[in-house]
Amino acid sequence: MSAVGLAWLVAAAALATPTPAPTVAASIVVHGEENVVTLEGDEARRVTDAVVRLLGACSFNSVEDPKVFAGLDPAAAWAERAGRPHVDVRFDPPMDLAESSGLRAPVSEALIPLRADYWLFRDAERIVVLTKCHGGDHYAVVCAPGVRPHLTAPDAATCALFEKESRRPTPRARKAK
């Protein structure tokens, strides 16, 4: 076989080899790294999808809006929130985030505190802090069936209130006279 023929054969074999599907690991860290609950299957997908929606629905981020986060060190914020109960989602390869404020970034890990103040993600180069995210998306993460059993009683009560409010019909616009 000629060198050209061999090259074509190798190229064809490479194209025929399926690309491995991206892997996503979703877990809940309840009280420190020693108490981690790994989510599996449909529940992991549900939580991961909710995390992606949440990260994409934030108005401010520490890269494009540093004044909003003045005095906040992203690495220190990550470390402090990682010590509290949170949902952790890891993407391999990183997920391409298109955030509502316009930030585009590859997300390798997201840290979603069960009690929200800031949400965070990181890529290979930096930690990004987010705020003014859609509250409904936050509760879709923390009130998911796989996460909810690990909440404190007050936080679980907040989920019940969120679910009640989300079932209420929205007010209709009044007709102009």
C-alpha atoms as a PDB file:
ATOM      1  CA  MET A   1       0.000   0.000   0.000  1.00  0.00           C
ATOM      2  CA  SER A   2       1.300   3.453  -0.843  1.00  0.00           C
ATOM      3  CA  ALA A   3       1.927   6.149   1.759  1.00  0.00           C
ATOM      4  CA  VAL A   4      -1.040   8.124   0.413  1.00  0.00           C
ATOM      5  CA  GLY A   5      -3.302   5.078   0.645  1.00  0.00           C
ATOM      6  CA  LEU A   6      -2.141   4.427   4.213  1.00  0.00           C
ATOM      7  CA  ALA A   7      -2.781   8.059   5.148  1.00  0.00           C
ATOM      8  CA  TRP A   8      -6.327   7.828   3.757  1.00  0.00           C
ATOM      9  CA  LEU A   9      -6.927   4.597   5.671  1.00  0.00           C
ATOM     10  CA  VAL A  10      -5.732   6.148   8.961  1.00  0.00           C
ATOM     11  CA  ALA A  11      -7.850   9.269   8.349  1.00  0.00           C
ATOM     12  CA  ALA A  12     -10.942   7.179   7.589  1.00  0.00           C
ATOM     13  CA  ALA A  13     -10.420   5.119  10.748  1.00  0.00           C
ATOM     14  CA  ALA A  14     -10.099   8.280  12.817  1.00  0.00           C
ATOM     15  CA  LEU A  15     -13.353   9.654  11.389  1.00  0.00           C
ATOM     16  CA  ALA A  16     -15.136   6.355  12.023  1.00  0.00           C
ATOM     17  CA  THR A  17     -14.076   6.295  15.681  1.00  0.00           C
ATOM     18  CA  PRO A  18     -16.922   7.782  17.706  1.00  0.00           C
ATOM     19  CA  THR A  19     -16.101  10.866  19.729  1.00  0.00           C
ATOM     20  CA  PRO A  20     -16.719  10.180  23.407  1.00  0.00           C
ATOM     21  CA  ALA A  21     -19.800  11.922  24.732  1.00  0.00           C
ATOM     22  CA  PRO A  22     -19.161  14.775  27.127  1.00  0.00           C
ATOM     23  CA  THR A  23     -19.310  13.714  30.739  1.00  0.00           C
ATOM     24  CA  VAL A  24     -21.001  15.687  33.442  1.00  0.00           C
ATOM     25  CA  ALA A  25     -20.624  14.973  37.138  1.00  0.00           C
ATOM     26  CA  ALA A  26     -23.238  16.514  39.401  1.00  0.00           C
ATOM     27  CA  SER A  27     -22.987  16.265  43.161  1.00  0.00           C
ATOM     28  CA  ILE A  28     -24.263  17.888  46.313  1.00  0.00           C
ATOM     29  CA  VAL A  29     -21.779  18.781  49.009  1.00  0.00           C
ATOM     30  CA  VAL A  30     -23.888  18.870  52.143  1.00  0.00           C
ATOM     31  CA  HIS A  31     -21.402  19.599  54.930  1.00  0.00           C
ATOM     32  CA  GLY A  32     -17.836  19.632  53.680  1.00  0.00           C
ATOM     33  CA  GLU A  33     -16.037  17.410  51.202  1.00  0.00           C
ATOM     34  CA  GLU A  34     -16.547  14.315  53.369  1.00  0.00           C
ATOM     35  CA  ASN A  35     -20.307  14.386  52.808  1.00  0.00           C
ATOM     36  CA  VAL A  36     -20.835  14.325  49.036  1.00  0.00           C
ATOM     37  CA  VAL A  37     -23.951  12.914  47.377  1.00  0.00           C
ATOM     38  CA  THR A  38     -23.447  12.061  43.703  1.00  0.00           C
ATOM     39  CA  LEU A  39     -26.462  12.499  41.465  1.00  0.00           C
ATOM     40  CA  GLU A  40     -27.025   9.879  38.777  1.00  0.00           C
ATOM     41  CA  GLY A  41     -28.994   9.496  35.551  1.00  0.00           C
ATOM     42  CA  ASP A  42     -32.081  11.617  35.010  1.00  0.00           C
ATOM     43  CA  GLU A  43     -31.598  13.509  38.254  1.00  0.00           C
ATOM     44  CA  ALA A  44     -28.049  14.498  37.313  1.00  0.00           C
ATOM     45  CA  ARG A  45     -29.297  15.679  33.906  1.00  0.00           C
ATOM     46  CA  ARG A  46     -32.164  17.629  35.479  1.00  0.00           C
ATOM     47  CA  VAL A  47     -29.847  19.420  37.893  1.00  0.00           C
ATOM     48  CA  THR A  48     -27.182  20.013  35.242  1.00  0.00           C
ATOM     49  CA  ASP A  49     -29.720  21.497  32.818  1.00  0.00           C
ATOM     50  CA  ALA A  50     -31.021  23.767  35.585  1.00  0.00           C
ATOM     51  CA  VAL A  51     -27.449  24.882  36.413  1.00  0.00           C
ATOM     52  CA  VAL A  52     -26.806  25.714  32.757  1.00  0.00           C
ATOM     53  CA  ARG A  53     -30.039  27.773  32.609  1.00  0.00           C
ATOM     54  CA  LEU A  54     -29.117  29.528  35.867  1.00  0.00           C
ATOM     55  CA  LEU A  55     -25.604  30.468  34.731  1.00  0.00           C
ATOM     56  CA  GLY A  56     -26.967  31.763  31.442  1.00  0.00           C
ATOM     57  CA  ALA A  57     -29.567  33.967  33.124  1.00  0.00           C
ATOM     58  CA  CYS A  58     -27.299  36.225  35.184  1.00  0.00           C
ATOM     59  CA  SER A  59     -27.098  39.966  34.632  1.00  0.00           C
ATOM     60  CA  PHE A  60     -23.662  40.668  36.096  1.00  0.00           C
ATOM     61  CA  ASN A  61     -20.343  38.826  36.133  1.00  0.00           C
ATOM     62  CA  SER A  62     -16.994  39.645  37.676  1.00  0.00           C
ATOM     63  CA  VAL A  63     -15.214  39.743  34.300  1.00  0.00           C
ATOM     64  CA  GLU A  64     -17.362  42.329  32.517  1.00  0.00           C
ATOM     65  CA  ASP A  65     -18.725  44.133  35.591  1.00  0.00           C
ATOM     66  CA  PRO A  66     -15.834  44.303  38.089  1.00  0.00           C
ATOM     67  CA  LYS A  67     -17.304  47.372  39.868  1.00  0.00           C
ATOM     68  CA  VAL A  68     -20.303  45.291  40.950  1.00  0.00           C
ATOM     69  CA  PHE A  69     -17.895  42.920  42.702  1.00  0.00           C
ATOM     70  CA  ALA A  70     -15.466  45.524  44.095  1.00  0.00           C
ATOM     71  CA  GLY A  71     -13.594  44.096  47.061  1.00  0.00           C
ATOM     72  CA  LEU A  72     -14.630  40.503  46.323  1.00  0.00           C
ATOM     73  CA  ASP A  73     -11.780  38.121  45.537  1.00  0.00           C
ATOM     74  CA  PRO A  74     -13.186  35.368  43.254  1.00  0.00           C
ATOM     75  CA  ALA A  75     -10.774  32.707  44.587  1.00  0.00           C
ATOM     76  CA  ALA A  76     -11.664  33.531  48.200  1.00  0.00           C
ATOM     77  CA  ALA A  77     -15.380  33.590  47.301  1.00  0.00           C
ATOM     78  CA  TRP A  78     -15.039  30.132  45.732  1.00  0.00           C
ATOM     79  CA  ALA A  79     -13.194  28.707  48.758  1.00  0.00           C
ATOM     80  CA  GLU A  80     -15.689  30.168  51.226  1.00  0.00           C
ATOM     81  CA  ARG A  81     -18.753  28.937  49.333  1.00  0.00           C
ATOM     82  CA  ALA A  82     -17.182  25.530  48.701  1.00  0.00           C
ATOM     83  CA  GLY A  83     -17.144  25.118  52.490  1.00  0.00           C
ATOM     84  CA  ARG A  84     -20.919  25.582  52.641  1.00  0.00           C
ATOM     85  CA  PRO A  85     -23.622  23.250  51.322  1.00  0.00           C
ATOM     86  CA  HIS A  86     -23.696  23.555  47.534  1.00  0.00           C
ATOM     87  CA  VAL A  87     -24.314  21.824  44.228  1.00  0.00           C
ATOM     88  CA  ASP A  88     -21.170  21.167  42.204  1.00  0.00           C
ATOM     89  CA  VAL A  89     -21.331  20.377  38.487  1.00  0.00           C
ATOM     90  CA  ARG A  90     -18.232  19.482  36.446  1.00  0.00           C
ATOM     91  CA  PHE A  91     -18.150  19.448  32.651  1.00  0.00           C
ATOM     92  CA  ASP A  92     -15.625  17.443  30.625  1.00  0.00           C
ATOM     93  CA  PRO A  93     -14.994  18.852  28.100  1.00  0.00           C
ATOM     94  CA  PRO A  94     -15.917  22.326  29.349  1.00  0.00           C
ATOM     95  CA  MET A  95     -19.378  23.570  28.432  1.00  0.00           C
ATOM     96  CA  ASP A  96     -19.540  26.707  26.289  1.00  0.00           C
ATOM     97  CA  LEU A  97     -21.585  29.219  28.267  1.00  0.00           C
ATOM     98  CA  ALA A  98     -23.294  32.124  26.563  1.00  0.00           C
ATOM     99  CA  GLU A  99     -24.323  34.244  29.529  1.00  0.00           C
ATOM    100  CA  SER A 100     -27.176  36.751  29.164  1.00  0.00           C
ATOM    101  CA  SER A 101     -24.864  39.723  29.770  1.00  0.00           C
ATOM    102  CA  GLY A 102     -22.822  38.659  26.756  1.00  0.00           C
ATOM    103  CA  LEU A 103     -19.965  36.789  28.429  1.00  0.00           C
ATOM    104  CA  ARG A 104     -18.881  33.672  26.558  1.00  0.00           C
ATOM    105  CA  ALA A 105     -16.740  31.273  28.532  1.00  0.00           C
ATOM    106  CA  PRO A 106     -15.844  27.586  28.738  1.00  0.00           C
ATOM    107  CA  VAL A 107     -17.215  26.301  32.051  1.00  0.00           C
ATOM    108  CA  SER A 108     -15.374  23.363  33.572  1.00  0.00           C
ATOM    109  CA  GLU A 109     -17.022  23.549  37.014  1.00  0.00           C
ATOM    110  CA  ALA A 110     -19.987  25.386  38.541  1.00  0.00           C
ATOM    111  CA  LEU A 111     -20.541  25.964  42.252  1.00  0.00           C
ATOM    112  CA  ILE A 112     -24.144  26.748  43.209  1.00  0.00           C
ATOM    113  CA  PRO A 113     -24.588  27.507  46.939  1.00  0.00           C
ATOM    114  CA  LEU A 114     -27.817  26.119  48.353  1.00  0.00           C
ATOM    115  CA  ARG A 115     -28.316  29.529  49.936  1.00  0.00           C
ATOM    116  CA  ALA A 116     -27.703  31.948  47.108  1.00  0.00           C
ATOM    117  CA  ASP A 117     -25.808  35.162  47.247  1.00  0.00           C
ATOM    118  CA  TYR A 118     -23.343  34.668  44.399  1.00  0.00           C
ATOM    119  CA  TRP A 119     -23.026  31.867  41.896  1.00  0.00           C
ATOM    120  CA  LEU A 120     -19.625  30.858  40.573  1.00  0.00           C
ATOM    121  CA  PHE A 121     -17.987  28.946  37.774  1.00  0.00           C
ATOM    122  CA  ARG A 122     -14.455  28.349  36.664  1.00  0.00           C
ATOM    123  CA  ASP A 123     -12.576  27.486  33.562  1.00  0.00           C
ATOM    124  CA  ALA A 124      -8.908  26.648  33.113  1.00  0.00           C
ATOM    125  CA  GLU A 125      -7.815  30.235  33.699  1.00  0.00           C
ATOM    126  CA  ARG A 126     -10.148  31.984  36.110  1.00  0.00           C
ATOM    127  CA  ILE A 127     -13.030  31.938  38.540  1.00  0.00           C
ATOM    128  CA  VAL A 128     -16.051  34.004  37.524  1.00  0.00           C
ATOM    129  CA  VAL A 129     -18.577  35.275  40.060  1.00  0.00           C
ATOM    130  CA  LEU A 130     -22.165  35.946  38.963  1.00  0.00           C
ATOM    131  CA  THR A 131     -25.052  37.842  40.507  1.00  0.00           C
ATOM    132  CA  LYS A 132     -28.550  39.018  39.628  1.00  0.00           C
ATOM    133  CA  CYS A 133     -29.427  35.574  38.300  1.00  0.00           C
ATOM    134  CA  HIS A 134     -33.013  34.453  37.810  1.00  0.00           C
ATOM    135  CA  GLY A 135     -34.351  33.254  41.172  1.00  0.00           C
ATOM    136  CA  GLY A 136     -36.607  30.670  39.573  1.00  0.00           C
ATOM    137  CA  ASP A 137     -33.597  29.048  37.955  1.00  0.00           C
ATOM    138  CA  HIS A 138     -31.810  28.937  41.325  1.00  0.00           C
ATOM    139  CA  TYR A 139     -34.769  27.171  42.905  1.00  0.00           C
ATOM    140  CA  ALA A 140     -34.980  24.758  39.964  1.00  0.00           C
ATOM    141  CA  VAL A 141     -31.477  23.646  41.027  1.00  0.00           C
ATOM    142  CA  VAL A 142     -31.831  23.521  44.802  1.00  0.00           C
ATOM    143  CA  CYS A 143     -35.422  22.274  44.860  1.00  0.00           C
ATOM    144  CA  ALA A 144     -34.808  19.446  42.380  1.00  0.00           C
ATOM    145  CA  PRO A 145     -35.954  16.072  43.755  1.00  0.00           C
ATOM    146  CA  GLY A 146     -32.374  14.794  44.076  1.00  0.00           C
ATOM    147  CA  VAL A 147     -31.204  17.880  45.980  1.00  0.00           C
ATOM    148  CA  ARG A 148     -34.206  18.697  48.145  1.00  0.00           C
ATOM    149  CA  PRO A 149     -33.820  15.840  50.661  1.00  0.00           C
ATOM    150  CA  HIS A 150     -30.448  17.319  51.638  1.00  0.00           C
ATOM    151  CA  LEU A 151     -31.780  20.783  52.465  1.00  0.00           C
ATOM    152  CA  THR A 152     -32.296  22.141  55.951  1.00  0.00           C
ATOM    153  CA  ALA A 153     -35.934  22.383  57.087  1.00  0.00           C
ATOM    154  CA  PRO A 154     -36.128  26.176  56.455  1.00  0.00           C
ATOM    155  CA  ASP A 155     -34.658  25.776  52.968  1.00  0.00           C
ATOM    156  CA  ALA A 156     -37.058  22.929  52.165  1.00  0.00           C
ATOM    157  CA  ALA A 157     -39.917  25.187  53.299  1.00  0.00           C
ATOM    158  CA  THR A 158     -38.675  27.816  50.848  1.00  0.00           C
ATOM    159  CA  CYS A 159     -38.900  25.188  48.099  1.00  0.00           C
ATOM    160  CA  ALA A 160     -42.496  24.461  49.055  1.00  0.00           C
ATOM    161  CA  LEU A 161     -43.290  28.185  48.821  1.00  0.00           C
ATOM    162  CA  PHE A 162     -41.503  28.430  45.461  1.00  0.00           C
ATOM    163  CA  GLU A 163     -43.485  25.491  44.083  1.00  0.00           C
ATOM    164  CA  LYS A 164     -46.760  26.974  45.343  1.00  0.00           C
ATOM    165  CA  GLU A 165     -45.983  30.352  43.768  1.00  0.00           C
ATOM    166  CA  SER A 166     -44.859  28.821  40.482  1.00  0.00           C
ATOM    167  CA  ARG A 167     -48.230  27.051  40.153  1.00  0.00           C
ATOM    168  CA  ARG A 168     -50.210  30.287  40.573  1.00  0.00           C
ATOM    169  CA  PRO A 169     -51.704  31.619  37.368  1.00  0.00           C
ATOM    170  CA  THR A 170     -50.130  34.829  36.175  1.00  0.00           C
ATOM    171  CA  PRO A 171     -52.366  37.888  36.327  1.00  0.00           C
ATOM    172  CA  ARG A 172     -53.976  38.769  33.054  1.00  0.00           C
ATOM    173  CA  ALA A 173     -53.527  42.225  31.610  1.00  0.00           C
ATOM    174  CA  ARG A 174     -56.595  44.386  32.028  1.00  0.00           C
ATOM    175  CA  LYS A 175     -58.409  45.338  28.874  1.00  0.00           C
ATOM    176  CA  ALA A 176     -58.162  48.985  27.976  1.00  0.00           C
ATOM    177  CA  LYS A 177     -61.513  50.791  28.091  1.00  0.00           C
END
